[in-house]
Amino acid sequence: MTRILTIAGALAAATLFGGWTWGYDRQGPYCLYDRNYTNCGYPSFAACLATASGAGGYCAENPRFVPDRGPPRRRRGDGYSYSPY
């Protein structure tokens, strides 16, 4: 019984703290705007224009897009080199 409660608590905590999003809420850098519809999931302007040509509307840059960060860079003088002089 304790094991079941522990597993249920871990699953609830992971869900509440956003551990199960799997990137489905990611937005792309371009949006398709229509009178009744907005979709900001396009990775390129060409992909947005291709959809707009069939569905109507217009494409523009997503004002809320935040690009992924690259890997952290090492700085000079990060404390790993030792010089007694």
C-alpha atoms as a PDB file:
ATOM      1  CA  MET A   1       0.000   0.000   0.000  1.00  0.00           C
ATOM      2  CA  THR A   2       2.824   2.386   0.821  1.00  0.00           C
ATOM      3  CA  ARG A   3       4.481   1.632  -2.504  1.00  0.00           C
ATOM      4  CA  ILE A   4       1.315   2.515  -4.423  1.00  0.00           C
ATOM      5  CA  LEU A   5       0.936   5.799  -2.541  1.00  0.00           C
ATOM      6  CA  THR A   6       4.576   6.657  -3.201  1.00  0.00           C
ATOM      7  CA  ILE A   7       4.240   5.992  -6.929  1.00  0.00           C
ATOM      8  CA  ALA A   8       0.973   7.949  -7.129  1.00  0.00           C
ATOM      9  CA  GLY A   9       2.546  10.864  -5.267  1.00  0.00           C
ATOM     10  CA  ALA A  10       5.572  10.874  -7.579  1.00  0.00           C
ATOM     11  CA  LEU A  11       3.353  10.878 -10.669  1.00  0.00           C
ATOM     12  CA  ALA A  12       1.208  13.684  -9.269  1.00  0.00           C
ATOM     13  CA  ALA A  13       4.289  15.769  -8.434  1.00  0.00           C
ATOM     14  CA  ALA A  14       5.788  15.223 -11.898  1.00  0.00           C
ATOM     15  CA  THR A  15       2.532  16.293 -13.515  1.00  0.00           C
ATOM     16  CA  LEU A  16       2.085  19.365 -11.330  1.00  0.00           C
ATOM     17  CA  PHE A  17       5.649  20.559 -11.775  1.00  0.00           C
ATOM     18  CA  GLY A  18       5.560  20.306 -15.565  1.00  0.00           C
ATOM     19  CA  GLY A  19       7.631  17.201 -16.021  1.00  0.00           C
ATOM     20  CA  TRP A  20       5.329  15.729 -18.642  1.00  0.00           C
ATOM     21  CA  THR A  21       5.079  18.428 -21.304  1.00  0.00           C
ATOM     22  CA  TRP A  22       7.372  16.642 -23.829  1.00  0.00           C
ATOM     23  CA  GLY A  23       7.625  19.855 -25.823  1.00  0.00           C
ATOM     24  CA  TYR A  24       4.040  19.929 -27.068  1.00  0.00           C
ATOM     25  CA  ASP A  25       3.630  23.520 -25.928  1.00  0.00           C
ATOM     26  CA  ARG A  26       6.581  24.766 -27.983  1.00  0.00           C
ATOM     27  CA  GLN A  27       5.885  27.591 -30.379  1.00  0.00           C
ATOM     28  CA  GLY A  28       7.665  28.208 -33.643  1.00  0.00           C
ATOM     29  CA  PRO A  29       9.228  31.434 -34.861  1.00  0.00           C
ATOM     30  CA  TYR A  30       6.401  32.126 -37.370  1.00  0.00           C
ATOM     31  CA  CYS A  31       2.630  32.476 -36.989  1.00  0.00           C
ATOM     32  CA  LEU A  32      -0.247  32.102 -39.415  1.00  0.00           C
ATOM     33  CA  TYR A  33      -2.939  34.689 -38.701  1.00  0.00           C
ATOM     34  CA  ASP A  34      -6.459  34.383 -40.034  1.00  0.00           C
ATOM     35  CA  ARG A  35      -9.679  36.132 -39.103  1.00  0.00           C
ATOM     36  CA  ASN A  36     -10.726  33.297 -36.762  1.00  0.00           C
ATOM     37  CA  TYR A  37      -7.494  31.354 -36.342  1.00  0.00           C
ATOM     38  CA  THR A  38      -3.903  31.765 -35.151  1.00  0.00           C
ATOM     39  CA  ASN A  39      -1.229  29.064 -35.289  1.00  0.00           C
ATOM     40  CA  CYS A  40       2.313  29.797 -34.137  1.00  0.00           C
ATOM     41  CA  GLY A  41       3.781  26.363 -34.752  1.00  0.00           C
ATOM     42  CA  TYR A  42       5.654  26.941 -38.019  1.00  0.00           C
ATOM     43  CA  PRO A  43       9.428  26.363 -38.014  1.00  0.00           C
ATOM     44  CA  SER A  44      10.058  28.411 -41.172  1.00  0.00           C
ATOM     45  CA  PHE A  45       8.489  31.263 -43.080  1.00  0.00           C
ATOM     46  CA  ALA A  46       8.211  29.054 -46.183  1.00  0.00           C
ATOM     47  CA  ALA A  47       6.173  26.450 -44.281  1.00  0.00           C
ATOM     48  CA  CYS A  48       3.845  29.144 -43.023  1.00  0.00           C
ATOM     49  CA  LEU A  49       3.412  30.599 -46.517  1.00  0.00           C
ATOM     50  CA  ALA A  50       2.645  27.158 -47.942  1.00  0.00           C
ATOM     51  CA  THR A  51      -0.193  26.731 -45.466  1.00  0.00           C
ATOM     52  CA  ALA A  52      -1.400  30.286 -45.964  1.00  0.00           C
ATOM     53  CA  SER A  53      -1.624  29.770 -49.719  1.00  0.00           C
ATOM     54  CA  GLY A  54      -4.176  27.007 -49.219  1.00  0.00           C
ATOM     55  CA  ALA A  55      -5.927  28.124 -46.068  1.00  0.00           C
ATOM     56  CA  GLY A  56      -5.766  31.898 -46.447  1.00  0.00           C
ATOM     57  CA  GLY A  57      -4.487  34.417 -43.953  1.00  0.00           C
ATOM     58  CA  TYR A  58      -1.028  35.899 -43.611  1.00  0.00           C
ATOM     59  CA  CYS A  59       2.282  34.972 -41.967  1.00  0.00           C
ATOM     60  CA  ALA A  60       4.394  37.034 -39.596  1.00  0.00           C
ATOM     61  CA  GLU A  61       7.112  36.538 -37.004  1.00  0.00           C
ATOM     62  CA  ASN A  62       5.979  35.237 -33.636  1.00  0.00           C
ATOM     63  CA  PRO A  63       6.422  38.046 -31.091  1.00  0.00           C
ATOM     64  CA  ARG A  64       6.515  35.550 -28.204  1.00  0.00           C
ATOM     65  CA  PHE A  65       9.086  33.160 -29.675  1.00  0.00           C
ATOM     66  CA  VAL A  66      12.096  32.394 -27.473  1.00  0.00           C
ATOM     67  CA  PRO A  67      14.829  30.418 -29.284  1.00  0.00           C
ATOM     68  CA  ASP A  68      16.496  27.454 -27.625  1.00  0.00           C
ATOM     69  CA  ARG A  69      19.685  28.163 -25.786  1.00  0.00           C
ATOM     70  CA  GLY A  70      22.870  26.570 -27.019  1.00  0.00           C
ATOM     71  CA  PRO A  71      25.190  24.578 -24.781  1.00  0.00           C
ATOM     72  CA  PRO A  72      26.949  26.610 -22.093  1.00  0.00           C
ATOM     73  CA  ARG A  73      30.323  27.983 -23.090  1.00  0.00           C
ATOM     74  CA  ARG A  74      33.436  27.738 -20.965  1.00  0.00           C
ATOM     75  CA  ARG A  75      34.864  31.024 -19.837  1.00  0.00           C
ATOM     76  CA  ARG A  76      38.480  31.916 -19.574  1.00  0.00           C
ATOM     77  CA  GLY A  77      39.796  31.910 -16.071  1.00  0.00           C
ATOM     78  CA  ASP A  78      37.149  29.563 -14.788  1.00  0.00           C
ATOM     79  CA  GLY A  79      39.294  28.512 -11.820  1.00  0.00           C
ATOM     80  CA  TYR A  80      40.608  25.226 -13.194  1.00  0.00           C
ATOM     81  CA  SER A  81      44.122  26.386 -13.996  1.00  0.00           C
ATOM     82  CA  TYR A  82      46.530  27.004 -11.147  1.00  0.00           C
ATOM     83  CA  SER A  83      49.525  29.258 -11.284  1.00  0.00           C
ATOM     84  CA  PRO A  84      51.502  29.932  -8.085  1.00  0.00           C
ATOM     85  CA  TYR A  85      53.125  33.046  -9.590  1.00  0.00           C
END
